[in-house]
PDB file of all heavy atoms in Angstrom:
ATOM      1  N   ARG A   1     -24.519-188.159 -35.419  1.00  0.00           N
ATOM      2  CA  ARG A   1     -24.775-187.297 -34.268  1.00  0.00           C
ATOM      3  C   ARG A   1     -23.525-187.137 -33.418  1.00  0.00           C
ATOM      4  O   ARG A   1     -23.504-186.338 -32.478  1.00  0.00           O
ATOM      5  CB  ARG A   1     -25.901-187.862 -33.402  1.00  0.00           C
ATOM      6  CG  ARG A   1     -25.593-189.220 -32.785  1.00  0.00           C
ATOM      7  CD  ARG A   1     -26.517-189.555 -31.630  1.00  0.00           C
ATOM      8  NE  ARG A   1     -26.456-188.579 -30.585  1.00  0.00           N
ATOM      9  CZ  ARG A   1     -25.483-188.501 -29.684  1.00  0.00           C
ATOM     10  NH1 ARG A   1     -24.452-189.346 -29.725  1.00  0.00           N
ATOM     11  NH2 ARG A   1     -25.510-187.588 -28.733  1.00  0.00           N
ATOM     12  N   LYS A   2     -22.472-187.863 -33.752  1.00  0.00           N
ATOM     13  CA  LYS A   2     -21.217-187.786 -32.997  1.00  0.00           C
ATOM     14  C   LYS A   2     -20.091-188.309 -33.869  1.00  0.00           C
ATOM     15  O   LYS A   2     -20.219-189.360 -34.489  1.00  0.00           O
ATOM     16  CB  LYS A   2     -21.319-188.616 -31.713  1.00  0.00           C
ATOM     17  CG  LYS A   2     -20.023-188.755 -30.928  1.00  0.00           C
ATOM     18  CD  LYS A   2     -20.261-189.596 -29.675  1.00  0.00           C
ATOM     19  CE  LYS A   2     -18.962-189.867 -28.927  1.00  0.00           C
ATOM     20  NZ  LYS A   2     -18.078-190.788 -29.664  1.00  0.00           N
ATOM     21  N   TYR A   3     -19.010-187.555 -33.943  1.00  0.00           N
ATOM     22  CA  TYR A   3     -17.796-188.049 -34.593  1.00  0.00           C
ATOM     23  C   TYR A   3     -16.613-187.318 -34.009  1.00  0.00           C
ATOM     24  O   TYR A   3     -16.267-186.214 -34.414  1.00  0.00           O
ATOM     25  CB  TYR A   3     -17.850-187.864 -36.119  1.00  0.00           C
ATOM     26  CG  TYR A   3     -16.594-188.362 -36.801  1.00  0.00           C
ATOM     27  CD1 TYR A   3     -16.141-189.664 -36.586  1.00  0.00           C
ATOM     28  CD2 TYR A   3     -15.853-187.529 -37.625  1.00  0.00           C
ATOM     29  CE1 TYR A   3     -14.987-190.119 -37.187  1.00  0.00           C
ATOM     30  CE2 TYR A   3     -14.696-187.973 -38.236  1.00  0.00           C
ATOM     31  CZ  TYR A   3     -14.266-189.273 -38.016  1.00  0.00           C
ATOM     32  OH  TYR A   3     -13.101-189.727 -38.608  1.00  0.00           O
ATOM     33  N   ASP A   4     -16.009-187.950 -33.016  1.00  0.00           N
ATOM     34  CA  ASP A   4     -14.827-187.418 -32.343  1.00  0.00           C
ATOM     35  C   ASP A   4     -13.771-188.514 -32.411  1.00  0.00           C
ATOM     36  O   ASP A   4     -13.941-189.589 -31.825  1.00  0.00           O
ATOM     37  CB  ASP A   4     -15.159-187.073 -30.891  1.00  0.00           C
ATOM     38  CG  ASP A   4     -14.005-186.382 -30.169  1.00  0.00           C
ATOM     39  OD1 ASP A   4     -12.857-186.498 -30.635  1.00  0.00           O
ATOM     40  OD2 ASP A   4     -14.251-185.733 -29.134  1.00  0.00           O
ATOM     41  N   CYS A   5     -12.698-188.255 -33.129  1.00  0.00           N
ATOM     42  CA  CYS A   5     -11.664-189.278 -33.312  1.00  0.00           C
ATOM     43  C   CYS A   5     -11.062-189.737 -31.986  1.00  0.00           C
ATOM     44  O   CYS A   5     -10.565-190.863 -31.883  1.00  0.00           O
ATOM     45  CB  CYS A   5     -10.566-188.755 -34.225  1.00  0.00           C
ATOM     46  SG  CYS A   5     -11.140-188.297 -35.868  1.00  0.00           S
ATOM     47  N   ALA A   6     -11.110-188.864 -30.965  1.00  0.00           N
ATOM     48  CA  ALA A   6     -10.585-189.233 -29.652  1.00  0.00           C
ATOM     49  C   ALA A   6     -11.523-190.173 -28.908  1.00  0.00           C
ATOM     50  O   ALA A   6     -11.137-190.736 -27.883  1.00  0.00           O
ATOM     51  CB  ALA A   6     -10.340-187.974 -28.813  1.00  0.00           C
ATOM     52  N   GLU A   7     -12.748-190.344 -29.413  1.00  0.00           N
ATOM     53  CA  GLU A   7     -13.722-191.245 -28.792  1.00  0.00           C
ATOM     54  C   GLU A   7     -14.223-192.245 -29.824  1.00  0.00           C
ATOM     55  O   GLU A   7     -15.408-192.513 -29.959  1.00  0.00           O
ATOM     56  CB  GLU A   7     -14.884-190.447 -28.199  1.00  0.00           C
ATOM     57  CG  GLU A   7     -14.467-189.512 -27.071  1.00  0.00           C
ATOM     58  CD  GLU A   7     -15.630-188.741 -26.488  1.00  0.00           C
ATOM     59  OE1 GLU A   7     -16.756-188.852 -27.030  1.00  0.00           O
ATOM     60  OE2 GLU A   7     -15.431-188.036 -25.484  1.00  0.00           O
ATOM     61  N   TRP A   8     -13.289-192.820 -30.549  1.00  0.00           N
ATOM     62  CA  TRP A   8     -13.616-193.723 -31.650  1.00  0.00           C
ATOM     63  C   TRP A   8     -14.325-194.964 -31.122  1.00  0.00           C
ATOM     64  O   TRP A   8     -13.962-195.525 -30.101  1.00  0.00           O
ATOM     65  CB  TRP A   8     -12.339-194.121 -32.380  1.00  0.00           C
ATOM     66  CG  TRP A   8     -12.585-194.814 -33.679  1.00  0.00           C
ATOM     67  CD1 TRP A   8     -12.770-196.149 -33.877  1.00  0.00           C
ATOM     68  CD2 TRP A   8     -12.694-194.201 -34.967  1.00  0.00           C
ATOM     69  NE1 TRP A   8     -12.994-196.420 -35.203  1.00  0.00           N
ATOM     70  CE2 TRP A   8     -12.948-195.241 -35.891  1.00  0.00           C
ATOM     71  CE3 TRP A   8     -12.608-192.891 -35.425  1.00  0.00           C
ATOM     72  CZ2 TRP A   8     -13.110-195.007 -37.256  1.00  0.00           C
ATOM     73  CZ3 TRP A   8     -12.765-192.649 -36.771  1.00  0.00           C
ATOM     74  CH2 TRP A   8     -13.007-193.697 -37.678  1.00  0.00           C
ATOM     75  N   GLY A   9     -15.349-195.411 -31.860  1.00  0.00           N
ATOM     76  CA  GLY A   9     -16.098-196.584 -31.451  1.00  0.00           C
ATOM     77  C   GLY A   9     -16.629-197.354 -32.642  1.00  0.00           C
ATOM     78  O   GLY A   9     -16.237-197.127 -33.795  1.00  0.00           O
ATOM     79  N   GLY A  10     -17.576-198.250 -32.359  1.00  0.00           N
ATOM     80  CA  GLY A  10     -18.094-199.134 -33.390  1.00  0.00           C
ATOM     81  C   GLY A  10     -18.841-198.418 -34.502  1.00  0.00           C
ATOM     82  O   GLY A  10     -18.719-198.783 -35.679  1.00  0.00           O
ATOM     83  N   THR A  11     -19.635-197.399 -34.153  1.00  0.00           N
ATOM     84  CA  THR A  11     -20.375-196.669 -35.183  1.00  0.00           C
ATOM     85  C   THR A  11     -19.419-195.995 -36.153  1.00  0.00           C
ATOM     86  O   THR A  11     -19.610-196.041 -37.379  1.00  0.00           O
ATOM     87  CB  THR A  11     -21.305-195.622 -34.544  1.00  0.00           C
ATOM     88  OG1 THR A  11     -22.270-196.285 -33.730  1.00  0.00           O
ATOM     89  CG2 THR A  11     -22.018-194.809 -35.614  1.00  0.00           C
ATOM     90  N   GLU A  12     -18.381-195.380 -35.607  1.00  0.00           N
ATOM     91  CA  GLU A  12     -17.389-194.718 -36.463  1.00  0.00           C
ATOM     92  C   GLU A  12     -16.698-195.733 -37.386  1.00  0.00           C
ATOM     93  O   GLU A  12     -16.487-195.458 -38.575  1.00  0.00           O
ATOM     94  CB  GLU A  12     -16.355-193.996 -35.602  1.00  0.00           C
ATOM     95  CG  GLU A  12     -16.890-192.792 -34.849  1.00  0.00           C
ATOM     96  CD  GLU A  12     -17.590-193.139 -33.547  1.00  0.00           C
ATOM     97  OE1 GLU A  12     -17.695-194.346 -33.221  1.00  0.00           O
ATOM     98  OE2 GLU A  12     -18.050-192.223 -32.850  1.00  0.00           O
ATOM     99  N   THR A  13     -16.368-196.894 -36.834  1.00  0.00           N
ATOM    100  CA  THR A  13     -15.730-197.934 -37.644  1.00  0.00           C
ATOM    101  C   THR A  13     -16.662-198.412 -38.743  1.00  0.00           C
ATOM    102  O   THR A  13     -16.243-198.624 -39.894  1.00  0.00           O
ATOM    103  CB  THR A  13     -15.312-199.116 -36.760  1.00  0.00           C
ATOM    104  OG1 THR A  13     -14.412-198.657 -35.747  1.00  0.00           O
ATOM    105  CG2 THR A  13     -14.618-200.200 -37.580  1.00  0.00           C
ATOM    106  N   ALA A  14     -17.945-198.575 -38.407  1.00  0.00           N
ATOM    107  CA  ALA A  14     -18.913-199.034 -39.400  1.00  0.00           C
ATOM    108  C   ALA A  14     -19.090-198.012 -40.514  1.00  0.00           C
ATOM    109  O   ALA A  14     -19.156-198.372 -41.702  1.00  0.00           O
ATOM    110  CB  ALA A  14     -20.252-199.315 -38.712  1.00  0.00           C
ATOM    111  N   VAL A  15     -19.159-196.734 -40.157  1.00  0.00           N
ATOM    112  CA  VAL A  15     -19.331-195.687 -41.173  1.00  0.00           C
ATOM    113  C   VAL A  15     -18.086-195.590 -42.053  1.00  0.00           C
ATOM    114  O   VAL A  15     -18.189-195.443 -43.278  1.00  0.00           O
ATOM    115  CB  VAL A  15     -19.637-194.337 -40.498  1.00  0.00           C
ATOM    116  CG1 VAL A  15     -19.601-193.196 -41.508  1.00  0.00           C
ATOM    117  CG2 VAL A  15     -21.007-194.392 -39.812  1.00  0.00           C
ATOM    118  N   LEU A  16     -16.914-195.687 -41.437  1.00  0.00           N
ATOM    119  CA  LEU A  16     -15.676-195.681 -42.222  1.00  0.00           C
ATOM    120  C   LEU A  16     -15.670-196.838 -43.216  1.00  0.00           C
ATOM    121  O   LEU A  16     -15.336-196.662 -44.397  1.00  0.00           O
ATOM    122  CB  LEU A  16     -14.469-195.787 -41.286  1.00  0.00           C
ATOM    123  CG  LEU A  16     -13.111-196.015 -41.950  1.00  0.00           C
ATOM    124  CD1 LEU A  16     -12.768-194.872 -42.901  1.00  0.00           C
ATOM    125  CD2 LEU A  16     -12.015-196.170 -40.890  1.00  0.00           C
ATOM    126  N   GLY A  17     -16.054-198.031 -42.753  1.00  0.00           N
ATOM    127  CA  GLY A  17     -16.077-199.182 -43.643  1.00  0.00           C
ATOM    128  C   GLY A  17     -17.061-199.017 -44.781  1.00  0.00           C
ATOM    129  O   GLY A  17     -16.754-199.353 -45.939  1.00  0.00           O
ATOM    130  N   LEU A  18     -18.236-198.484 -44.486  1.00  0.00           N
ATOM    131  CA  LEU A  18     -19.243-198.288 -45.526  1.00  0.00           C
ATOM    132  C   LEU A  18     -18.785-197.257 -46.548  1.00  0.00           C
ATOM    133  O   LEU A  18     -18.874-197.484 -47.764  1.00  0.00           O
ATOM    134  CB  LEU A  18     -20.564-197.853 -44.886  1.00  0.00           C
ATOM    135  CG  LEU A  18     -21.689-197.473 -45.846  1.00  0.00           C
ATOM    136  CD1 LEU A  18     -22.029-198.615 -46.777  1.00  0.00           C
ATOM    137  CD2 LEU A  18     -22.930-197.023 -45.068  1.00  0.00           C
ATOM    138  N   CYS A  19     -18.285-196.118 -46.059  1.00  0.00           N
ATOM    139  CA  CYS A  19     -17.848-195.063 -46.985  1.00  0.00           C
ATOM    140  C   CYS A  19     -16.670-195.516 -47.843  1.00  0.00           C
ATOM    141  O   CYS A  19     -16.623-195.224 -49.050  1.00  0.00           O
ATOM    142  CB  CYS A  19     -17.483-193.803 -46.203  1.00  0.00           C
ATOM    143  SG  CYS A  19     -18.874-192.978 -45.405  1.00  0.00           S
ATOM    144  N   ALA A  20     -15.724-196.219 -47.231  1.00  0.00           N
ATOM    145  CA  ALA A  20     -14.580-196.718 -48.004  1.00  0.00           C
ATOM    146  C   ALA A  20     -15.036-197.758 -49.028  1.00  0.00           C
ATOM    147  O   ALA A  20     -14.541-197.785 -50.166  1.00  0.00           O
ATOM    148  CB  ALA A  20     -13.542-197.318 -47.053  1.00  0.00           C
ATOM    149  N   GLY A  21     -15.970-198.609 -48.626  1.00  0.00           N
ATOM    150  CA  GLY A  21     -16.494-199.590 -49.568  1.00  0.00           C
ATOM    151  C   GLY A  21     -17.236-198.942 -50.714  1.00  0.00           C
ATOM    152  O   GLY A  21     -17.093-199.337 -51.880  1.00  0.00           O
ATOM    153  N   LEU A  22     -18.048-197.929 -50.427  1.00  0.00           N
ATOM    154  CA  LEU A  22     -18.757-197.215 -51.488  1.00  0.00           C
ATOM    155  C   LEU A  22     -17.782-196.521 -52.428  1.00  0.00           C
ATOM    156  O   LEU A  22     -17.997-196.471 -53.655  1.00  0.00           O
ATOM    157  CB  LEU A  22     -19.717-196.194 -50.874  1.00  0.00           C
ATOM    158  CG  LEU A  22     -20.948-196.764 -50.155  1.00  0.00           C
ATOM    159  CD1 LEU A  22     -21.689-195.663 -49.413  1.00  0.00           C
ATOM    160  CD2 LEU A  22     -21.876-197.462 -51.142  1.00  0.00           C
ATOM    161  N   LYS A  23     -16.705-195.999 -51.863  1.00  0.00           N
ATOM    162  CA  LYS A  23     -15.688-195.350 -52.699  1.00  0.00           C
ATOM    163  C   LYS A  23     -15.101-196.343 -53.693  1.00  0.00           C
ATOM    164  O   LYS A  23     -14.865-196.009 -54.859  1.00  0.00           O
ATOM    165  CB  LYS A  23     -14.598-194.762 -51.815  1.00  0.00           C
ATOM    166  CG  LYS A  23     -13.525-193.989 -52.587  1.00  0.00           C
ATOM    167  CD  LYS A  23     -12.461-193.429 -51.641  1.00  0.00           C
ATOM    168  CE  LYS A  23     -11.384-192.690 -52.425  1.00  0.00           C
ATOM    169  NZ  LYS A  23     -10.317-192.178 -51.529  1.00  0.00           N
ATOM    170  N   SER A  24     -14.887-197.579 -53.233  1.00  0.00           N
ATOM    171  CA  SER A  24     -14.353-198.603 -54.134  1.00  0.00           C
ATOM    172  C   SER A  24     -15.338-198.958 -55.242  1.00  0.00           C
ATOM    173  O   SER A  24     -14.950-199.513 -56.271  1.00  0.00           O
ATOM    174  CB  SER A  24     -13.985-199.864 -53.338  1.00  0.00           C
ATOM    175  OG  SER A  24     -15.151-200.556 -52.911  1.00  0.00           O
ATOM    176  N   GLN A  25     -16.631-198.624 -55.024  1.00  0.00           N
ATOM    177  CA  GLN A  25     -17.656-198.877 -56.025  1.00  0.00           C
ATOM    178  C   GLN A  25     -17.938-197.638 -56.878  1.00  0.00           C
ATOM    179  O   GLN A  25     -18.895-197.611 -57.645  1.00  0.00           O
ATOM    180  CB  GLN A  25     -18.949-199.307 -55.335  1.00  0.00           C
ATOM    181  CG  GLN A  25     -18.828-200.547 -54.472  1.00  0.00           C
ATOM    182  CD  GLN A  25     -18.536-201.790 -55.270  1.00  0.00           C
ATOM    183  OE1 GLN A  25     -19.170-202.033 -56.301  1.00  0.00           O
ATOM    184  NE2 GLN A  25     -17.573-202.587 -54.828  1.00  0.00           N
ATOM    185  N   GLY A  26     -17.115-196.593 -56.700  1.00  0.00           N
ATOM    186  CA  GLY A  26     -17.271-195.385 -57.498  1.00  0.00           C
ATOM    187  C   GLY A  26     -18.296-194.404 -56.964  1.00  0.00           C
ATOM    188  O   GLY A  26     -18.721-193.497 -57.686  1.00  0.00           O
ATOM    189  N   THR A  27     -18.685-194.554 -55.690  1.00  0.00           N
ATOM    190  CA  THR A  27     -19.674-193.671 -55.087  1.00  0.00           C
ATOM    191  C   THR A  27     -19.005-192.749 -54.079  1.00  0.00           C
ATOM    192  O   THR A  27     -18.277-193.215 -53.193  1.00  0.00           O
ATOM    193  CB  THR A  27     -20.772-194.493 -54.385  1.00  0.00           C
ATOM    194  OG1 THR A  27     -21.483-195.240 -55.379  1.00  0.00           O
ATOM    195  CG2 THR A  27     -21.751-193.599 -53.648  1.00  0.00           C
ATOM    196  N   ALA A  28     -19.263-191.458 -54.191  1.00  0.00           N
ATOM    197  CA  ALA A  28     -18.683-190.474 -53.279  1.00  0.00           C
ATOM    198  C   ALA A  28     -19.544-190.367 -52.021  1.00  0.00           C
ATOM    199  O   ALA A  28     -20.774-190.426 -52.077  1.00  0.00           O
ATOM    200  CB  ALA A  28     -18.590-189.113 -53.959  1.00  0.00           C
ATOM    201  N   SER A  29     -18.884-190.229 -50.875  1.00  0.00           N
ATOM    202  CA  SER A  29     -19.574-190.051 -49.602  1.00  0.00           C
ATOM    203  C   SER A  29     -19.128-188.750 -48.958  1.00  0.00           C
ATOM    204  O   SER A  29     -17.950-188.387 -49.031  1.00  0.00           O
ATOM    205  CB  SER A  29     -19.272-191.215 -48.655  1.00  0.00           C
ATOM    206  OG  SER A  29     -19.813-192.428 -49.137  1.00  0.00           O
ATOM    207  N   VAL A  30     -20.077-188.054 -48.329  1.00  0.00           N
ATOM    208  CA  VAL A  30     -19.777-186.862 -47.547  1.00  0.00           C
ATOM    209  C   VAL A  30     -20.368-187.078 -46.163  1.00  0.00           C
ATOM    210  O   VAL A  30     -21.566-187.349 -46.031  1.00  0.00           O
ATOM    211  CB  VAL A  30     -20.385-185.595 -48.184  1.00  0.00           C
ATOM    212  CG1 VAL A  30     -20.005-184.356 -47.376  1.00  0.00           C
ATOM    213  CG2 VAL A  30     -19.938-185.456 -49.627  1.00  0.00           C
ATOM    214  N   VAL A  31     -19.532-186.991 -45.134  1.00  0.00           N
ATOM    215  CA  VAL A  31     -19.979-187.228 -43.763  1.00  0.00           C
ATOM    216  C   VAL A  31     -20.249-185.894 -43.086  1.00  0.00           C
ATOM    217  O   VAL A  31     -19.389-185.007 -43.072  1.00  0.00           O
ATOM    218  CB  VAL A  31     -18.926-188.034 -42.974  1.00  0.00           C
ATOM    219  CG1 VAL A  31     -19.292-188.104 -41.496  1.00  0.00           C
ATOM    220  CG2 VAL A  31     -18.796-189.443 -43.556  1.00  0.00           C
TER     221      VAL A  31
END
């Protein structure tokens, strides 16, 4: 519901970590 790089926070960090981790497992993510 929000993704503004100028207002980066915990949710954004968590989503980045999940998507990057899934990528390492061969799974594509689209935000």
